[in-house]
Amino acid sequence: MDYSKIVDAETWDFIHRTEAHYPPGRWVMSIADQRRVHDEMCRAFFSGYPSGFSARDTSMGGAPVRIYQHGAPAFSLVYLHGVS
């Protein structure tokens, strides 16, 4: 498939900005190093939460979780991601 014909410029910009954070040979990096690179990329892309939203990190059953909240009374979204 020729993605140049179906992917718009804004999406290509995002793809190229994402790729710029990952070094060549990343597939042989340790999990810890891959996580570090990913975390650095996420910090570079983070532009803040929308008005009225907040987030806090905590743990549940020993697993790290981030809780997103909006409004009062608070609406919460708990996103649980795999842990290794």
PDB file of N, CA and C in Angstrom:
ATOM      1  N   MET A   1       0.845  -1.179   0.000  1.00  0.00           N
ATOM      2  CA  MET A   1       0.000   0.000   0.000  1.00  0.00           C
ATOM      3  C   MET A   1       0.888   1.239   0.000  1.00  0.00           C
ATOM      4  N   ASP A   2       0.528   2.212  -0.802  1.00  0.00           N
ATOM      5  CA  ASP A   2       1.269   3.460  -0.890  1.00  0.00           C
ATOM      6  C   ASP A   2       0.681   4.452   0.121  1.00  0.00           C
ATOM      7  N   TYR A   3       1.281   4.494   1.310  1.00  0.00           N
ATOM      8  CA  TYR A   3       0.759   5.351   2.371  1.00  0.00           C
ATOM      9  C   TYR A   3       0.882   6.835   2.045  1.00  0.00           C
ATOM     10  N   SER A   4       1.778   7.199   1.139  1.00  0.00           N
ATOM     11  CA  SER A   4       1.930   8.607   0.787  1.00  0.00           C
ATOM     12  C   SER A   4       0.652   9.166   0.164  1.00  0.00           C
ATOM     13  N   LYS A   5      -0.202   8.293  -0.348  1.00  0.00           N
ATOM     14  CA  LYS A   5      -1.445   8.744  -0.969  1.00  0.00           C
ATOM     15  C   LYS A   5      -2.631   8.786  -0.007  1.00  0.00           C
ATOM     16  N   ILE A   6      -2.500   8.124   1.145  1.00  0.00           N
ATOM     17  CA  ILE A   6      -3.655   8.067   2.055  1.00  0.00           C
ATOM     18  C   ILE A   6      -3.408   8.709   3.420  1.00  0.00           C
ATOM     19  N   VAL A   7      -2.158   9.064   3.726  1.00  0.00           N
ATOM     20  CA  VAL A   7      -1.839   9.677   5.018  1.00  0.00           C
ATOM     21  C   VAL A   7      -1.618  11.166   4.805  1.00  0.00           C
ATOM     22  N   ASP A   8      -2.309  11.988   5.605  1.00  0.00           N
ATOM     23  CA  ASP A   8      -2.202  13.435   5.427  1.00  0.00           C
ATOM     24  C   ASP A   8      -0.916  13.988   6.042  1.00  0.00           C
ATOM     25  N   ALA A   9      -0.617  15.242   5.724  1.00  0.00           N
ATOM     26  CA  ALA A   9       0.634  15.880   6.146  1.00  0.00           C
ATOM     27  C   ALA A   9       0.759  15.967   7.662  1.00  0.00           C
ATOM     28  N   GLU A  10      -0.329  16.254   8.348  1.00  0.00           N
ATOM     29  CA  GLU A  10      -0.284  16.358   9.810  1.00  0.00           C
ATOM     30  C   GLU A  10       0.093  15.019  10.438  1.00  0.00           C
ATOM     31  N   THR A  11      -0.459  13.943   9.901  1.00  0.00           N
ATOM     32  CA  THR A  11      -0.133  12.619  10.420  1.00  0.00           C
ATOM     33  C   THR A  11       1.310  12.258  10.112  1.00  0.00           C
ATOM     34  N   TRP A  12       1.797  12.590   8.900  1.00  0.00           N
ATOM     35  CA  TRP A  12       3.203  12.341   8.579  1.00  0.00           C
ATOM     36  C   TRP A  12       4.108  13.110   9.530  1.00  0.00           C
ATOM     37  N   ASP A  13       3.752  14.345   9.865  1.00  0.00           N
ATOM     38  CA  ASP A  13       4.539  15.130  10.802  1.00  0.00           C
ATOM     39  C   ASP A  13       4.630  14.421  12.143  1.00  0.00           C
ATOM     40  N   PHE A  14       3.504  13.905  12.627  1.00  0.00           N
ATOM     41  CA  PHE A  14       3.483  13.169  13.888  1.00  0.00           C
ATOM     42  C   PHE A  14       4.371  11.922  13.795  1.00  0.00           C
ATOM     43  N   ILE A  15       4.260  11.187  12.712  1.00  0.00           N
ATOM     44  CA  ILE A  15       5.074   9.982  12.524  1.00  0.00           C
ATOM     45  C   ILE A  15       6.558  10.330  12.539  1.00  0.00           C
ATOM     46  N   HIS A  16       6.946  11.381  11.820  1.00  0.00           N
ATOM     47  CA  HIS A  16       8.364  11.765  11.763  1.00  0.00           C
ATOM     48  C   HIS A  16       8.861  12.285  13.105  1.00  0.00           C
ATOM     49  N   ARG A  17       8.033  13.038  13.814  1.00  0.00           N
ATOM     50  CA  ARG A  17       8.428  13.516  15.147  1.00  0.00           C
ATOM     51  C   ARG A  17       8.605  12.344  16.102  1.00  0.00           C
ATOM     52  N   THR A  18       7.726  11.346  15.998  1.00  0.00           N
ATOM     53  CA  THR A  18       7.834  10.161  16.841  1.00  0.00           C
ATOM     54  C   THR A  18       9.104   9.391  16.514  1.00  0.00           C
ATOM     55  N   GLU A  19       9.346   9.142  15.239  1.00  0.00           N
ATOM     56  CA  GLU A  19      10.539   8.400  14.810  1.00  0.00           C
ATOM     57  C   GLU A  19      11.830   9.086  15.248  1.00  0.00           C
ATOM     58  N   ALA A  20      11.826  10.415  15.303  1.00  0.00           N
ATOM     59  CA  ALA A  20      13.022  11.164  15.677  1.00  0.00           C
ATOM     60  C   ALA A  20      13.478  10.857  17.105  1.00  0.00           C
ATOM     61  N   HIS A  21      12.580  10.372  17.935  1.00  0.00           N
ATOM     62  CA  HIS A  21      12.921  10.061  19.327  1.00  0.00           C
ATOM     63  C   HIS A  21      13.528   8.674  19.496  1.00  0.00           C
ATOM     64  N   TYR A  22      13.380   7.835  18.489  1.00  0.00           N
ATOM     65  CA  TYR A  22      13.854   6.460  18.605  1.00  0.00           C
ATOM     66  C   TYR A  22      15.145   6.262  17.820  1.00  0.00           C
ATOM     67  N   PRO A  23      16.194   5.817  18.505  1.00  0.00           N
ATOM     68  CA  PRO A  23      17.485   5.631  17.834  1.00  0.00           C
ATOM     69  C   PRO A  23      17.470   4.401  16.931  1.00  0.00           C
ATOM     70  N   PRO A  24      18.371   4.357  15.962  1.00  0.00           N
ATOM     71  CA  PRO A  24      18.514   3.150  15.146  1.00  0.00           C
ATOM     72  C   PRO A  24      18.877   1.975  16.061  1.00  0.00           C
ATOM     73  N   GLY A  25      18.414   0.804  15.721  1.00  0.00           N
ATOM     74  CA  GLY A  25      18.724  -0.381  16.522  1.00  0.00           C
ATOM     75  C   GLY A  25      17.916  -0.490  17.794  1.00  0.00           C
ATOM     76  N   ARG A  26      16.849   0.250  17.882  1.00  0.00           N
ATOM     77  CA  ARG A  26      16.052   0.264  19.116  1.00  0.00           C
ATOM     78  C   ARG A  26      15.490  -1.101  19.471  1.00  0.00           C
ATOM     79  N   TRP A  27      15.327  -1.977  18.484  1.00  0.00           N
ATOM     80  CA  TRP A  27      14.737  -3.290  18.736  1.00  0.00           C
ATOM     81  C   TRP A  27      15.678  -4.191  19.540  1.00  0.00           C
ATOM     82  N   VAL A  28      16.943  -3.810  19.671  1.00  0.00           N
ATOM     83  CA  VAL A  28      17.857  -4.604  20.492  1.00  0.00           C
ATOM     84  C   VAL A  28      18.138  -3.931  21.841  1.00  0.00           C
ATOM     85  N   MET A  29      17.490  -2.807  22.097  1.00  0.00           N
ATOM     86  CA  MET A  29      17.654  -2.122  23.380  1.00  0.00           C
ATOM     87  C   MET A  29      16.961  -2.928  24.478  1.00  0.00           C
ATOM     88  N   SER A  30      17.446  -2.768  25.691  1.00  0.00           N
ATOM     89  CA  SER A  30      16.784  -3.419  26.821  1.00  0.00           C
ATOM     90  C   SER A  30      15.395  -2.803  27.012  1.00  0.00           C
ATOM     91  N   ILE A  31      14.541  -3.526  27.702  1.00  0.00           N
ATOM     92  CA  ILE A  31      13.201  -3.002  27.992  1.00  0.00           C
ATOM     93  C   ILE A  31      13.314  -1.687  28.763  1.00  0.00           C
ATOM     94  N   ALA A  32      14.222  -1.628  29.709  1.00  0.00           N
ATOM     95  CA  ALA A  32      14.393  -0.401  30.502  1.00  0.00           C
ATOM     96  C   ALA A  32      14.799   0.771  29.610  1.00  0.00           C
ATOM     97  N   ASP A  33      15.706   0.531  28.660  1.00  0.00           N
ATOM     98  CA  ASP A  33      16.119   1.609  27.758  1.00  0.00           C
ATOM     99  C   ASP A  33      14.999   2.004  26.806  1.00  0.00           C
ATOM    100  N   GLN A  34      14.238   1.028  26.310  1.00  0.00           N
ATOM    101  CA  GLN A  34      13.098   1.346  25.455  1.00  0.00           C
ATOM    102  C   GLN A  34      12.068   2.173  26.220  1.00  0.00           C
ATOM    103  N   ARG A  35      11.832   1.820  27.473  1.00  0.00           N
ATOM    104  CA  ARG A  35      10.883   2.573  28.303  1.00  0.00           C
ATOM    105  C   ARG A  35      11.384   3.993  28.517  1.00  0.00           C
ATOM    106  N   ARG A  36      12.695   4.163  28.757  1.00  0.00           N
ATOM    107  CA  ARG A  36      13.269   5.495  28.967  1.00  0.00           C
ATOM    108  C   ARG A  36      13.084   6.359  27.721  1.00  0.00           C
ATOM    109  N   VAL A  37      13.378   5.797  26.544  1.00  0.00           N
ATOM    110  CA  VAL A  37      13.212   6.530  25.287  1.00  0.00           C
ATOM    111  C   VAL A  37      11.741   6.907  25.093  1.00  0.00           C
ATOM    112  N   HIS A  38      10.848   5.966  25.354  1.00  0.00           N
ATOM    113  CA  HIS A  38       9.413   6.234  25.203  1.00  0.00           C
ATOM    114  C   HIS A  38       8.958   7.326  26.166  1.00  0.00           C
ATOM    115  N   ASP A  39       9.409   7.264  27.416  1.00  0.00           N
ATOM    116  CA  ASP A  39       9.039   8.289  28.399  1.00  0.00           C
ATOM    117  C   ASP A  39       9.540   9.664  27.987  1.00  0.00           C
ATOM    118  N   GLU A  40      10.753   9.737  27.434  1.00  0.00           N
ATOM    119  CA  GLU A  40      11.289  11.021  26.957  1.00  0.00           C
ATOM    120  C   GLU A  40      10.432  11.568  25.813  1.00  0.00           C
ATOM    121  N   MET A  41      10.011  10.685  24.914  1.00  0.00           N
ATOM    122  CA  MET A  41       9.163  11.111  23.807  1.00  0.00           C
ATOM    123  C   MET A  41       7.824  11.625  24.338  1.00  0.00           C
ATOM    124  N   CYS A  42       7.250  10.918  25.287  1.00  0.00           N
ATOM    125  CA  CYS A  42       5.962  11.345  25.843  1.00  0.00           C
ATOM    126  C   CYS A  42       6.073  12.719  26.498  1.00  0.00           C
ATOM    127  N   ARG A  43       7.166  12.967  27.214  1.00  0.00           N
ATOM    128  CA  ARG A  43       7.364  14.288  27.826  1.00  0.00           C
ATOM    129  C   ARG A  43       7.481  15.364  26.751  1.00  0.00           C
ATOM    130  N   ALA A  44       8.137  15.050  25.649  1.00  0.00           N
ATOM    131  CA  ALA A  44       8.298  16.027  24.568  1.00  0.00           C
ATOM    132  C   ALA A  44       6.962  16.355  23.904  1.00  0.00           C
ATOM    133  N   PHE A  45       6.065  15.392  23.817  1.00  0.00           N
ATOM    134  CA  PHE A  45       4.773  15.593  23.163  1.00  0.00           C
ATOM    135  C   PHE A  45       3.707  16.171  24.104  1.00  0.00           C
ATOM    136  N   PHE A  46       3.904  16.032  25.410  1.00  0.00           N
ATOM    137  CA  PHE A  46       2.868  16.450  26.370  1.00  0.00           C
ATOM    138  C   PHE A  46       2.675  17.961  26.327  1.00  0.00           C
ATOM    139  N   SER A  47       1.442  18.381  26.123  1.00  0.00           N
ATOM    140  CA  SER A  47       1.154  19.819  26.073  1.00  0.00           C
ATOM    141  C   SER A  47       0.152  20.231  27.140  1.00  0.00           C
ATOM    142  N   GLY A  48       0.020  19.419  28.165  1.00  0.00           N
ATOM    143  CA  GLY A  48      -0.892  19.735  29.257  1.00  0.00           C
ATOM    144  C   GLY A  48      -2.236  19.057  29.074  1.00  0.00           C
ATOM    145  N   TYR A  49      -3.006  19.052  30.140  1.00  0.00           N
ATOM    146  CA  TYR A  49      -4.348  18.470  30.106  1.00  0.00           C
ATOM    147  C   TYR A  49      -5.351  19.538  29.710  1.00  0.00           C
ATOM    148  N   PRO A  50      -6.453  19.132  29.103  1.00  0.00           N
ATOM    149  CA  PRO A  50      -7.505  20.104  28.788  1.00  0.00           C
ATOM    150  C   PRO A  50      -8.035  20.750  30.064  1.00  0.00           C
ATOM    151  N   SER A  51      -8.620  21.919  29.925  1.00  0.00           N
ATOM    152  CA  SER A  51      -9.166  22.645  31.064  1.00  0.00           C
ATOM    153  C   SER A  51     -10.113  21.754  31.866  1.00  0.00           C
ATOM    154  N   GLY A  52      -9.923  21.750  33.176  1.00  0.00           N
ATOM    155  CA  GLY A  52     -10.798  20.993  34.064  1.00  0.00           C
ATOM    156  C   GLY A  52     -10.353  19.559  34.316  1.00  0.00           C
ATOM    157  N   PHE A  53      -9.330  19.100  33.605  1.00  0.00           N
ATOM    158  CA  PHE A  53      -8.835  17.742  33.799  1.00  0.00           C
ATOM    159  C   PHE A  53      -7.587  17.758  34.667  1.00  0.00           C
ATOM    160  N   SER A  54      -7.406  16.692  35.402  1.00  0.00           N
ATOM    161  CA  SER A  54      -6.176  16.512  36.166  1.00  0.00           C
ATOM    162  C   SER A  54      -5.830  15.026  36.141  1.00  0.00           C
ATOM    163  N   ALA A  55      -4.609  14.731  36.545  1.00  0.00           N
ATOM    164  CA  ALA A  55      -4.164  13.340  36.602  1.00  0.00           C
ATOM    165  C   ALA A  55      -3.257  13.186  37.812  1.00  0.00           C
ATOM    166  N   ARG A  56      -3.305  12.003  38.396  1.00  0.00           N
ATOM    167  CA  ARG A  56      -2.392  11.697  39.494  1.00  0.00           C
ATOM    168  C   ARG A  56      -1.976  10.246  39.393  1.00  0.00           C
ATOM    169  N   ASP A  57      -0.747   9.996  39.778  1.00  0.00           N
ATOM    170  CA  ASP A  57      -0.204   8.643  39.766  1.00  0.00           C
ATOM    171  C   ASP A  57      -0.314   8.057  41.164  1.00  0.00           C
ATOM    172  N   THR A  58      -0.676   6.797  41.218  1.00  0.00           N
ATOM    173  CA  THR A  58      -0.785   6.069  42.477  1.00  0.00           C
ATOM    174  C   THR A  58      -0.549   4.600  42.162  1.00  0.00           C
ATOM    175  N   SER A  59      -0.944   3.722  43.046  1.00  0.00           N
ATOM    176  CA  SER A  59      -0.841   2.293  42.755  1.00  0.00           C
ATOM    177  C   SER A  59      -2.074   1.586  43.299  1.00  0.00           C
ATOM    178  N   MET A  60      -2.382   0.476  42.670  1.00  0.00           N
ATOM    179  CA  MET A  60      -3.478  -0.386  43.105  1.00  0.00           C
ATOM    180  C   MET A  60      -2.966  -1.813  43.080  1.00  0.00           C
ATOM    181  N   GLY A  61      -2.986  -2.449  44.236  1.00  0.00           N
ATOM    182  CA  GLY A  61      -2.488  -3.818  44.303  1.00  0.00           C
ATOM    183  C   GLY A  61      -1.038  -3.935  43.896  1.00  0.00           C
ATOM    184  N   GLY A  62      -0.261  -2.892  44.112  1.00  0.00           N
ATOM    185  CA  GLY A  62       1.152  -2.905  43.769  1.00  0.00           C
ATOM    186  C   GLY A  62       1.442  -2.507  42.328  1.00  0.00           C
ATOM    187  N   ALA A  63       0.399  -2.304  41.507  1.00  0.00           N
ATOM    188  CA  ALA A  63       0.599  -1.914  40.110  1.00  0.00           C
ATOM    189  C   ALA A  63       0.454  -0.398  39.991  1.00  0.00           C
ATOM    190  N   PRO A  64       1.372   0.263  39.259  1.00  0.00           N
ATOM    191  CA  PRO A  64       1.238   1.713  39.085  1.00  0.00           C
ATOM    192  C   PRO A  64       0.034   2.035  38.207  1.00  0.00           C
ATOM    193  N   VAL A  65      -0.722   3.047  38.600  1.00  0.00           N
ATOM    194  CA  VAL A  65      -1.880   3.497  37.818  1.00  0.00           C
ATOM    195  C   VAL A  65      -1.881   5.012  37.758  1.00  0.00           C
ATOM    196  N   ARG A  66      -2.463   5.546  36.722  1.00  0.00           N
ATOM    197  CA  ARG A  66      -2.667   6.985  36.591  1.00  0.00           C
ATOM    198  C   ARG A  66      -4.172   7.202  36.565  1.00  0.00           C
ATOM    199  N   ILE A  67      -4.659   8.093  37.401  1.00  0.00           N
ATOM    200  CA  ILE A  67      -6.084   8.382  37.492  1.00  0.00           C
ATOM    201  C   ILE A  67      -6.328   9.764  36.904  1.00  0.00           C
ATOM    202  N   TYR A  68      -7.181   9.815  35.886  1.00  0.00           N
ATOM    203  CA  TYR A  68      -7.567  11.064  35.241  1.00  0.00           C
ATOM    204  C   TYR A  68      -8.907  11.486  35.811  1.00  0.00           C
ATOM    205  N   GLN A  69      -9.041  12.768  36.154  1.00  0.00           N
ATOM    206  CA  GLN A  69     -10.294  13.260  36.722  1.00  0.00           C
ATOM    207  C   GLN A  69     -10.745  14.517  36.010  1.00  0.00           C
ATOM    208  N   HIS A  70     -12.078  14.687  35.985  1.00  0.00           N
ATOM    209  CA  HIS A  70     -12.667  15.881  35.392  1.00  0.00           C
ATOM    210  C   HIS A  70     -13.894  16.277  36.194  1.00  0.00           C
ATOM    211  N   GLY A  71     -13.967  17.548  36.512  1.00  0.00           N
ATOM    212  CA  GLY A  71     -15.164  18.115  37.113  1.00  0.00           C
ATOM    213  C   GLY A  71     -15.404  17.719  38.561  1.00  0.00           C
ATOM    214  N   ALA A  72     -16.518  18.241  39.074  1.00  0.00           N
ATOM    215  CA  ALA A  72     -16.941  17.924  40.437  1.00  0.00           C
ATOM    216  C   ALA A  72     -18.451  17.736  40.410  1.00  0.00           C
ATOM    217  N   PRO A  73     -19.037  16.668  40.861  1.00  0.00           N
ATOM    218  CA  PRO A  73     -18.248  15.566  41.429  1.00  0.00           C
ATOM    219  C   PRO A  73     -17.370  14.933  40.360  1.00  0.00           C
ATOM    220  N   ALA A  74     -16.257  14.445  40.816  1.00  0.00           N
ATOM    221  CA  ALA A  74     -15.227  13.972  39.890  1.00  0.00           C
ATOM    222  C   ALA A  74     -15.673  12.758  39.082  1.00  0.00           C
ATOM    223  N   PHE A  75     -15.390  12.830  37.806  1.00  0.00           N
ATOM    224  CA  PHE A  75     -15.510  11.683  36.918  1.00  0.00           C
ATOM    225  C   PHE A  75     -14.092  11.153  36.767  1.00  0.00           C
ATOM    226  N   SER A  76     -13.899   9.871  36.954  1.00  0.00           N
ATOM    227  CA  SER A  76     -12.557   9.308  36.881  1.00  0.00           C
ATOM    228  C   SER A  76     -12.466   8.240  35.804  1.00  0.00           C
ATOM    229  N   LEU A  77     -11.328   8.217  35.155  1.00  0.00           N
ATOM    230  CA  LEU A  77     -10.975   7.164  34.219  1.00  0.00           C
ATOM    231  C   LEU A  77      -9.691   6.551  34.738  1.00  0.00           C
ATOM    232  N   VAL A  78      -9.723   5.266  34.976  1.00  0.00           N
ATOM    233  CA  VAL A  78      -8.534   4.572  35.453  1.00  0.00           C
ATOM    234  C   VAL A  78      -8.028   3.709  34.308  1.00  0.00           C
ATOM    235  N   TYR A  79      -6.817   3.974  33.857  1.00  0.00           N
ATOM    236  CA  TYR A  79      -6.204   3.248  32.764  1.00  0.00           C
ATOM    237  C   TYR A  79      -5.144   2.337  33.331  1.00  0.00           C
ATOM    238  N   LEU A  80      -5.343   1.036  33.220  1.00  0.00           N
ATOM    239  CA  LEU A  80      -4.383   0.064  33.722  1.00  0.00           C
ATOM    240  C   LEU A  80      -3.603  -0.492  32.538  1.00  0.00           C
ATOM    241  N   HIS A  81      -2.302  -0.360  32.607  1.00  0.00           N
ATOM    242  CA  HIS A  81      -1.440  -0.817  31.524  1.00  0.00           C
ATOM    243  C   HIS A  81      -0.600  -1.974  32.045  1.00  0.00           C
ATOM    244  N   GLY A  82      -0.243  -2.873  31.182  1.00  0.00           N
ATOM    245  CA  GLY A  82       0.577  -4.002  31.576  1.00  0.00           C
ATOM    246  C   GLY A  82       1.861  -3.564  32.254  1.00  0.00           C
ATOM    247  N   VAL A  83       2.273  -4.325  33.225  1.00  0.00           N
ATOM    248  CA  VAL A  83       3.472  -4.010  33.989  1.00  0.00           C
ATOM    249  C   VAL A  83       4.429  -5.193  33.865  1.00  0.00           C
ATOM    250  N   SER A  84       5.708  -4.876  33.766  1.00  0.00           N
ATOM    251  CA  SER A  84       6.681  -5.974  33.738  1.00  0.00           C
ATOM    252  C   SER A  84       7.706  -5.797  34.823  1.00  0.00           C
TER     253      SER A  84
END
